[in-house]
Amino acid sequence: MRIIPAIDLINGQCVRLTKGDYSTKKVYNENPLEVAKMFEDVGIEHLHLVDLDGAKAKHIINHKILESIANKTNLKVDFGGGLKSDEDLNIAFNSGANQITGGSIAVKNPSQFLNWLETYGADKIILGADCLDQKIAIQGWQEESDKEVLSFIKDYVSKGVSYVICTDIAKDGMLQGPSFDLYKTILNSINPVKLIASGGISTFDELPKLADLGCEGVIIGKAIYEGNMSLKQLETYQLNQS
């Protein structure tokens, strides 16, 4: 299972929110590149970079930070937040993104999302399936849709999606553990799918459980920044995986 630390960006700073609420913003570092290098130094190979300004503005904003991290580290970056147009996608990939995540676009404009999937391939386009009470949430989690998470993922996997990031918003930033039951249901119901768990990761002990369920990756944010999980633990986990 891949370990994927998260860097969320507001005003160019590395921040975390609780349950996606912008008013709960906490700044952890003013230099995202410094944080990315810290991850790389312990053998981490992947990074989940989220443009929260972009999610709110509905177009890419923090691509210069993406470019800086892509140019100055060897991290494979998946980038999301506010990607709504072909131009946004071109900017993201030209700035060094290895993959992009589309969430709101997959709800609001499925034909556009499927066009991206066809153009760039299933290895480059990740479906963002963030949910609250089993319903998909969009626009930086500011808006709930009527789409049920399981059928939403199933439909897109049938159309060629391979990678899915699923966040249970009720768990996000709470440090109370991830939605094991939700991930188990998804993995038991949909095959094949490369499911990346996100939201609520609180302790190192949860990682083997997610791996046992069959998660392809796990995104870890606040647990690292708050010191619940050490970079040394992640380094050891990576070494044991290889």
C-alpha atoms as a PDB file:
ATOM      1  CA  MET A   1       0.000   0.000   0.000  1.00  0.00           C
ATOM      2  CA  ARG A   2       1.347   3.395  -0.987  1.00  0.00           C
ATOM      3  CA  ILE A   3       1.860   6.025   1.704  1.00  0.00           C
ATOM      4  CA  ILE A   4       0.748   9.415   0.355  1.00  0.00           C
ATOM      5  CA  PRO A   5       1.238  12.423   2.653  1.00  0.00           C
ATOM      6  CA  ALA A   6      -1.013  15.403   1.973  1.00  0.00           C
ATOM      7  CA  ILE A   7      -0.167  19.061   1.626  1.00  0.00           C
ATOM      8  CA  ASP A   8      -3.208  21.352   1.516  1.00  0.00           C
ATOM      9  CA  LEU A   9      -2.576  24.867   0.227  1.00  0.00           C
ATOM     10  CA  ILE A  10      -4.181  28.171   1.179  1.00  0.00           C
ATOM     11  CA  ASN A  11      -2.368  31.422   0.341  1.00  0.00           C
ATOM     12  CA  GLY A  12       0.690  29.380  -0.582  1.00  0.00           C
ATOM     13  CA  GLN A  13       0.938  27.907   2.919  1.00  0.00           C
ATOM     14  CA  CYS A  14       0.711  24.331   4.150  1.00  0.00           C
ATOM     15  CA  VAL A  15      -2.538  24.113   6.138  1.00  0.00           C
ATOM     16  CA  ARG A  16      -5.085  21.614   7.445  1.00  0.00           C
ATOM     17  CA  LEU A  17      -8.826  22.002   7.835  1.00  0.00           C
ATOM     18  CA  THR A  18     -11.298  20.035   9.948  1.00  0.00           C
ATOM     19  CA  LYS A  19     -14.180  18.446   7.995  1.00  0.00           C
ATOM     20  CA  GLY A  20     -13.315  20.724   5.073  1.00  0.00           C
ATOM     21  CA  ASP A  21     -14.367  23.849   6.975  1.00  0.00           C
ATOM     22  CA  TYR A  22     -12.207  26.783   5.831  1.00  0.00           C
ATOM     23  CA  SER A  23     -12.811  28.609   9.132  1.00  0.00           C
ATOM     24  CA  THR A  24     -10.887  25.847  10.951  1.00  0.00           C
ATOM     25  CA  LYS A  25      -7.694  26.539   8.969  1.00  0.00           C
ATOM     26  CA  LYS A  26      -4.464  25.860  10.821  1.00  0.00           C
ATOM     27  CA  VAL A  27      -1.141  26.805   9.235  1.00  0.00           C
ATOM     28  CA  TYR A  28       1.592  24.217   9.799  1.00  0.00           C
ATOM     29  CA  ASN A  29       4.321  25.577   7.571  1.00  0.00           C
ATOM     30  CA  GLU A  30       4.677  28.593   5.323  1.00  0.00           C
ATOM     31  CA  ASN A  31       6.973  26.705   2.964  1.00  0.00           C
ATOM     32  CA  PRO A  32       5.283  23.695   1.280  1.00  0.00           C
ATOM     33  CA  LEU A  33       8.492  22.808  -0.585  1.00  0.00           C
ATOM     34  CA  GLU A  34      10.272  22.390   2.753  1.00  0.00           C
ATOM     35  CA  VAL A  35       7.530  19.988   3.884  1.00  0.00           C
ATOM     36  CA  ALA A  36       7.676  18.039   0.604  1.00  0.00           C
ATOM     37  CA  LYS A  37      11.461  17.639   0.934  1.00  0.00           C
ATOM     38  CA  MET A  38      10.973  16.397   4.492  1.00  0.00           C
ATOM     39  CA  PHE A  39       8.719  13.636   3.150  1.00  0.00           C
ATOM     40  CA  GLU A  40      11.139  12.774   0.361  1.00  0.00           C
ATOM     41  CA  ASP A  41      14.028  12.548   2.836  1.00  0.00           C
ATOM     42  CA  VAL A  42      12.396   9.555   4.573  1.00  0.00           C
ATOM     43  CA  GLY A  43      11.798   7.637   1.363  1.00  0.00           C
ATOM     44  CA  ILE A  44       8.253   8.807   0.596  1.00  0.00           C
ATOM     45  CA  GLU A  45       7.665   8.708  -3.161  1.00  0.00           C
ATOM     46  CA  HIS A  46       4.163  10.167  -3.512  1.00  0.00           C
ATOM     47  CA  LEU A  47       2.427  13.388  -2.516  1.00  0.00           C
ATOM     48  CA  HIS A  48      -1.217  14.496  -2.512  1.00  0.00           C
ATOM     49  CA  LEU A  49      -1.261  18.248  -3.161  1.00  0.00           C
ATOM     50  CA  VAL A  50      -4.575  20.065  -2.793  1.00  0.00           C
ATOM     51  CA  ASP A  51      -5.220  23.605  -4.007  1.00  0.00           C
ATOM     52  CA  LEU A  52      -7.880  24.723  -1.512  1.00  0.00           C
ATOM     53  CA  ASP A  53      -7.817  28.247  -2.956  1.00  0.00           C
ATOM     54  CA  GLY A  54      -8.485  26.687  -6.347  1.00  0.00           C
ATOM     55  CA  ALA A  55     -11.335  24.565  -4.993  1.00  0.00           C
ATOM     56  CA  LYS A  56     -13.035  27.717  -3.739  1.00  0.00           C
ATOM     57  CA  ALA A  57     -12.280  29.795  -6.854  1.00  0.00           C
ATOM     58  CA  LYS A  58     -13.196  26.920  -9.236  1.00  0.00           C
ATOM     59  CA  HIS A  59      -9.952  27.216 -11.190  1.00  0.00           C
ATOM     60  CA  ILE A  60      -6.310  26.362 -10.555  1.00  0.00           C
ATOM     61  CA  ILE A  61      -4.411  28.874  -8.392  1.00  0.00           C
ATOM     62  CA  ASN A  62      -1.421  27.305  -6.620  1.00  0.00           C
ATOM     63  CA  HIS A  63       0.268  25.776  -9.686  1.00  0.00           C
ATOM     64  CA  LYS A  64       3.551  27.600  -8.978  1.00  0.00           C
ATOM     65  CA  ILE A  65       3.923  25.599  -5.763  1.00  0.00           C
ATOM     66  CA  LEU A  66       3.180  22.419  -7.683  1.00  0.00           C
ATOM     67  CA  GLU A  67       5.859  23.413 -10.188  1.00  0.00           C
ATOM     68  CA  SER A  68       8.378  24.117  -7.425  1.00  0.00           C
ATOM     69  CA  ILE A  69       7.787  20.749  -5.709  1.00  0.00           C
ATOM     70  CA  ALA A  70       7.841  18.845  -9.010  1.00  0.00           C
ATOM     71  CA  ASN A  71      11.089  20.523 -10.087  1.00  0.00           C
ATOM     72  CA  LYS A  72      12.934  20.339  -6.785  1.00  0.00           C
ATOM     73  CA  THR A  73      11.935  16.866  -5.561  1.00  0.00           C
ATOM     74  CA  ASN A  74      11.405  13.475  -7.165  1.00  0.00           C
ATOM     75  CA  LEU A  75       7.972  13.092  -5.579  1.00  0.00           C
ATOM     76  CA  LYS A  76       5.160  11.872  -7.817  1.00  0.00           C
ATOM     77  CA  VAL A  77       2.478  14.467  -7.171  1.00  0.00           C
ATOM     78  CA  ASP A  78      -1.247  14.008  -7.559  1.00  0.00           C
ATOM     79  CA  PHE A  79      -2.851  17.425  -7.713  1.00  0.00           C
ATOM     80  CA  GLY A  80      -6.438  18.447  -7.098  1.00  0.00           C
ATOM     81  CA  GLY A  81      -8.628  21.373  -6.197  1.00  0.00           C
ATOM     82  CA  GLY A  82     -10.595  23.522  -8.610  1.00  0.00           C
ATOM     83  CA  LEU A  83      -9.672  21.731 -11.825  1.00  0.00           C
ATOM     84  CA  LYS A  84     -12.612  22.567 -14.074  1.00  0.00           C
ATOM     85  CA  SER A  85     -11.312  23.219 -17.583  1.00  0.00           C
ATOM     86  CA  ASP A  86      -8.949  21.753 -20.156  1.00  0.00           C
ATOM     87  CA  GLU A  87      -6.736  24.773 -19.504  1.00  0.00           C
ATOM     88  CA  ASP A  88      -6.590  23.973 -15.764  1.00  0.00           C
ATOM     89  CA  LEU A  89      -5.550  20.425 -16.602  1.00  0.00           C
ATOM     90  CA  ASN A  90      -2.882  21.565 -19.051  1.00  0.00           C
ATOM     91  CA  ILE A  91      -1.470  23.922 -16.432  1.00  0.00           C
ATOM     92  CA  ALA A  92      -1.420  21.153 -13.804  1.00  0.00           C
ATOM     93  CA  PHE A  93       0.354  18.635 -16.037  1.00  0.00           C
ATOM     94  CA  ASN A  94       2.721  21.259 -17.469  1.00  0.00           C
ATOM     95  CA  SER A  95       3.566  22.270 -13.899  1.00  0.00           C
ATOM     96  CA  GLY A  96       4.664  18.716 -13.148  1.00  0.00           C
ATOM     97  CA  ALA A  97       1.644  16.856 -11.804  1.00  0.00           C
ATOM     98  CA  ASN A  98       1.961  13.101 -12.215  1.00  0.00           C
ATOM     99  CA  GLN A  99      -1.791  12.643 -11.736  1.00  0.00           C
ATOM    100  CA  ILE A 100      -4.752  14.937 -11.201  1.00  0.00           C
ATOM    101  CA  THR A 101      -7.835  14.393  -9.064  1.00  0.00           C
ATOM    102  CA  GLY A 102     -11.253  15.437 -10.342  1.00  0.00           C
ATOM    103  CA  GLY A 103     -14.171  15.480  -7.930  1.00  0.00           C
ATOM    104  CA  SER A 104     -16.684  18.250  -8.539  1.00  0.00           C
ATOM    105  CA  ILE A 105     -16.103  18.074 -12.287  1.00  0.00           C
ATOM    106  CA  ALA A 106     -17.090  14.377 -12.296  1.00  0.00           C
ATOM    107  CA  VAL A 107     -20.441  15.364 -10.758  1.00  0.00           C
ATOM    108  CA  LYS A 108     -21.122  18.625 -12.570  1.00  0.00           C
ATOM    109  CA  ASN A 109     -19.683  17.834 -15.972  1.00  0.00           C
ATOM    110  CA  PRO A 110     -19.263  14.072 -16.449  1.00  0.00           C
ATOM    111  CA  SER A 111     -18.662  14.345 -20.194  1.00  0.00           C
ATOM    112  CA  GLN A 112     -15.688  16.642 -19.542  1.00  0.00           C
ATOM    113  CA  PHE A 113     -14.278  14.267 -16.926  1.00  0.00           C
ATOM    114  CA  LEU A 114     -14.683  11.265 -19.239  1.00  0.00           C
ATOM    115  CA  ASN A 115     -12.980  13.230 -22.011  1.00  0.00           C
ATOM    116  CA  TRP A 116      -9.997  13.777 -19.690  1.00  0.00           C
ATOM    117  CA  LEU A 117      -9.984  10.071 -18.889  1.00  0.00           C
ATOM    118  CA  GLU A 118      -9.922   9.224 -22.591  1.00  0.00           C
ATOM    119  CA  THR A 119      -7.306  11.867 -23.424  1.00  0.00           C
ATOM    120  CA  TYR A 120      -4.834  11.255 -20.615  1.00  0.00           C
ATOM    121  CA  GLY A 121      -5.576   7.656 -19.597  1.00  0.00           C
ATOM    122  CA  ALA A 122      -6.717   5.981 -16.397  1.00  0.00           C
ATOM    123  CA  ASP A 123      -3.238   6.173 -14.829  1.00  0.00           C
ATOM    124  CA  LYS A 124      -3.320   9.986 -14.925  1.00  0.00           C
ATOM    125  CA  ILE A 125      -6.886  10.802 -13.871  1.00  0.00           C
ATOM    126  CA  ILE A 126      -8.081  10.024 -10.327  1.00  0.00           C
ATOM    127  CA  LEU A 127     -11.748  10.135  -9.396  1.00  0.00           C
ATOM    128  CA  GLY A 128     -12.333  12.136  -6.223  1.00  0.00           C
ATOM    129  CA  ALA A 129     -15.260  10.577  -4.355  1.00  0.00           C
ATOM    130  CA  ASP A 130     -15.592  12.647  -1.189  1.00  0.00           C
ATOM    131  CA  CYS A 131     -18.733  11.967   0.759  1.00  0.00           C
ATOM    132  CA  LEU A 132     -20.803  12.995   3.757  1.00  0.00           C
ATOM    133  CA  ASP A 133     -23.476  10.570   4.986  1.00  0.00           C
ATOM    134  CA  GLN A 134     -22.793   8.426   1.892  1.00  0.00           C
ATOM    135  CA  LYS A 135     -23.577  11.346  -0.479  1.00  0.00           C
ATOM    136  CA  ILE A 136     -20.916  12.877  -2.735  1.00  0.00           C
ATOM    137  CA  ALA A 137     -19.877  16.411  -1.729  1.00  0.00           C
ATOM    138  CA  ILE A 138     -18.432  18.938  -4.171  1.00  0.00           C
ATOM    139  CA  GLN A 139     -17.028  22.479  -4.531  1.00  0.00           C
ATOM    140  CA  GLY A 140     -14.381  22.054  -1.849  1.00  0.00           C
ATOM    141  CA  TRP A 141     -16.983  20.163   0.207  1.00  0.00           C
ATOM    142  CA  GLN A 142     -19.133  23.273   0.434  1.00  0.00           C
ATOM    143  CA  GLU A 143     -22.011  21.614  -1.403  1.00  0.00           C
ATOM    144  CA  GLU A 144     -23.673  18.193  -1.165  1.00  0.00           C
ATOM    145  CA  SER A 145     -24.930  16.369  -4.249  1.00  0.00           C
ATOM    146  CA  ASP A 146     -27.664  13.745  -4.494  1.00  0.00           C
ATOM    147  CA  LYS A 147     -25.231  11.096  -5.741  1.00  0.00           C
ATOM    148  CA  GLU A 148     -24.696   8.050  -3.552  1.00  0.00           C
ATOM    149  CA  VAL A 149     -21.001   7.260  -3.139  1.00  0.00           C
ATOM    150  CA  LEU A 150     -21.071   3.556  -4.012  1.00  0.00           C
ATOM    151  CA  SER A 151     -23.083   3.901  -7.225  1.00  0.00           C
ATOM    152  CA  PHE A 152     -21.042   7.005  -8.168  1.00  0.00           C
ATOM    153  CA  ILE A 153     -17.763   5.068  -7.949  1.00  0.00           C
ATOM    154  CA  LYS A 154     -19.218   1.946  -9.567  1.00  0.00           C
ATOM    155  CA  ASP A 155     -20.508   3.949 -12.531  1.00  0.00           C
ATOM    156  CA  TYR A 156     -17.157   5.602 -13.194  1.00  0.00           C
ATOM    157  CA  VAL A 157     -15.163   2.382 -12.761  1.00  0.00           C
ATOM    158  CA  SER A 158     -17.435   0.821 -15.399  1.00  0.00           C
ATOM    159  CA  LYS A 159     -16.423   3.711 -17.685  1.00  0.00           C
ATOM    160  CA  GLY A 160     -12.697   3.175 -17.246  1.00  0.00           C
ATOM    161  CA  VAL A 161     -11.646   4.841 -13.982  1.00  0.00           C
ATOM    162  CA  SER A 162      -8.907   2.944 -12.124  1.00  0.00           C
ATOM    163  CA  TYR A 163      -7.891   5.228  -9.231  1.00  0.00           C
ATOM    164  CA  VAL A 164     -10.385   6.526  -6.683  1.00  0.00           C
ATOM    165  CA  ILE A 165      -9.688   8.716  -3.657  1.00  0.00           C
ATOM    166  CA  CYS A 166     -12.512   8.378  -1.157  1.00  0.00           C
ATOM    167  CA  THR A 167     -12.726  10.730   1.812  1.00  0.00           C
ATOM    168  CA  ASP A 168     -15.388  10.475   4.480  1.00  0.00           C
ATOM    169  CA  ILE A 169     -15.736  14.162   5.303  1.00  0.00           C
ATOM    170  CA  ALA A 170     -17.185  13.438   8.742  1.00  0.00           C
ATOM    171  CA  LYS A 171     -13.851  11.802   9.607  1.00  0.00           C
ATOM    172  CA  ASP A 172     -11.554  14.322   7.950  1.00  0.00           C
ATOM    173  CA  GLY A 173      -9.181  16.069  10.338  1.00  0.00           C
ATOM    174  CA  MET A 174     -10.851  14.504  13.371  1.00  0.00           C
ATOM    175  CA  LEU A 175      -7.984  12.085  14.174  1.00  0.00           C
ATOM    176  CA  GLN A 176     -10.530   9.448  15.201  1.00  0.00           C
ATOM    177  CA  GLY A 177      -9.768   6.774  12.611  1.00  0.00           C
ATOM    178  CA  PRO A 178     -10.803   6.247   8.989  1.00  0.00           C
ATOM    179  CA  SER A 179     -14.032   4.814   7.593  1.00  0.00           C
ATOM    180  CA  PHE A 180     -13.019   1.154   7.555  1.00  0.00           C
ATOM    181  CA  ASP A 181     -16.593  -0.015   6.934  1.00  0.00           C
ATOM    182  CA  LEU A 182     -17.065   2.319   3.978  1.00  0.00           C
ATOM    183  CA  TYR A 183     -13.818   1.175   2.351  1.00  0.00           C
ATOM    184  CA  LYS A 184     -14.649  -2.468   2.998  1.00  0.00           C
ATOM    185  CA  THR A 185     -18.038  -2.020   1.320  1.00  0.00           C
ATOM    186  CA  ILE A 186     -16.490  -0.288  -1.705  1.00  0.00           C
ATOM    187  CA  LEU A 187     -13.768  -2.916  -2.121  1.00  0.00           C
ATOM    188  CA  ASN A 188     -16.217  -5.792  -1.704  1.00  0.00           C
ATOM    189  CA  SER A 189     -18.683  -4.282  -4.185  1.00  0.00           C
ATOM    190  CA  ILE A 190     -16.427  -2.910  -6.900  1.00  0.00           C
ATOM    191  CA  ASN A 191     -13.667  -4.791  -8.626  1.00  0.00           C
ATOM    192  CA  PRO A 192     -11.218  -3.842  -9.928  1.00  0.00           C
ATOM    193  CA  VAL A 193     -10.604  -0.479  -8.242  1.00  0.00           C
ATOM    194  CA  LYS A 194      -7.438   1.118  -6.893  1.00  0.00           C
ATOM    195  CA  LEU A 195      -8.914   2.679  -3.773  1.00  0.00           C
ATOM    196  CA  ILE A 196      -7.005   5.359  -1.900  1.00  0.00           C
ATOM    197  CA  ALA A 197      -8.272   5.883   1.638  1.00  0.00           C
ATOM    198  CA  SER A 198      -8.367   9.430   2.964  1.00  0.00           C
ATOM    199  CA  GLY A 199      -9.713  11.179   6.033  1.00  0.00           C
ATOM    200  CA  GLY A 200      -9.464  10.449   9.730  1.00  0.00           C
ATOM    201  CA  ILE A 201      -6.162   8.557   9.729  1.00  0.00           C
ATOM    202  CA  SER A 202      -4.970   8.960  13.310  1.00  0.00           C
ATOM    203  CA  THR A 203      -2.417   6.285  14.244  1.00  0.00           C
ATOM    204  CA  PHE A 204       0.187   4.125  12.582  1.00  0.00           C
ATOM    205  CA  ASP A 205      -1.730   0.964  13.594  1.00  0.00           C
ATOM    206  CA  GLU A 206      -4.503   1.848  11.139  1.00  0.00           C
ATOM    207  CA  LEU A 207      -2.219   1.470   8.121  1.00  0.00           C
ATOM    208  CA  PRO A 208      -1.899  -2.350   8.137  1.00  0.00           C
ATOM    209  CA  LYS A 209      -5.688  -2.614   8.595  1.00  0.00           C
ATOM    210  CA  LEU A 210      -6.291  -0.488   5.489  1.00  0.00           C
ATOM    211  CA  ALA A 211      -3.728  -2.555   3.596  1.00  0.00           C
ATOM    212  CA  ASP A 212      -5.487  -5.769   4.689  1.00  0.00           C
ATOM    213  CA  LEU A 213      -8.789  -4.412   3.363  1.00  0.00           C
ATOM    214  CA  GLY A 214      -7.149  -4.010  -0.031  1.00  0.00           C
ATOM    215  CA  CYS A 215      -6.611  -0.226  -0.200  1.00  0.00           C
ATOM    216  CA  GLU A 216      -4.054   0.655  -2.870  1.00  0.00           C
ATOM    217  CA  GLY A 217      -2.942   3.785  -1.048  1.00  0.00           C
ATOM    218  CA  VAL A 218      -3.596   5.946   1.999  1.00  0.00           C
ATOM    219  CA  ILE A 219      -3.486   9.732   2.270  1.00  0.00           C
ATOM    220  CA  ILE A 220      -2.217  10.991   5.616  1.00  0.00           C
ATOM    221  CA  GLY A 221      -2.420  14.628   6.689  1.00  0.00           C
ATOM    222  CA  LYS A 222      -3.114  15.898  10.166  1.00  0.00           C
ATOM    223  CA  ALA A 223      -1.796  12.745  11.892  1.00  0.00           C
ATOM    224  CA  ILE A 224       1.673  13.640  10.604  1.00  0.00           C
ATOM    225  CA  TYR A 225       1.443  17.365  11.309  1.00  0.00           C
ATOM    226  CA  GLU A 226       0.105  16.873  14.834  1.00  0.00           C
ATOM    227  CA  GLY A 227       2.774  14.280  15.644  1.00  0.00           C
ATOM    228  CA  ASN A 228       0.395  11.314  16.035  1.00  0.00           C
ATOM    229  CA  MET A 229       2.497   9.494  13.466  1.00  0.00           C
ATOM    230  CA  SER A 230       6.234   9.988  13.011  1.00  0.00           C
ATOM    231  CA  LEU A 231       8.084  10.215   9.738  1.00  0.00           C
ATOM    232  CA  LYS A 232      10.348   7.495  11.132  1.00  0.00           C
ATOM    233  CA  GLN A 233       7.356   5.132  11.376  1.00  0.00           C
ATOM    234  CA  LEU A 234       6.414   5.895   7.788  1.00  0.00           C
ATOM    235  CA  GLU A 235       9.994   5.346   6.672  1.00  0.00           C
ATOM    236  CA  THR A 236      10.050   1.929   8.384  1.00  0.00           C
ATOM    237  CA  TYR A 237       6.673   1.007   6.841  1.00  0.00           C
ATOM    238  CA  GLN A 238       7.970   1.941   3.389  1.00  0.00           C
ATOM    239  CA  LEU A 239      11.104  -0.161   3.875  1.00  0.00           C
ATOM    240  CA  ASN A 240       9.078  -3.168   5.010  1.00  0.00           C
ATOM    241  CA  GLN A 241       6.842  -2.845   1.942  1.00  0.00           C
ATOM    242  CA  SER A 242       9.718  -2.940  -0.490  1.00  0.00           C
END
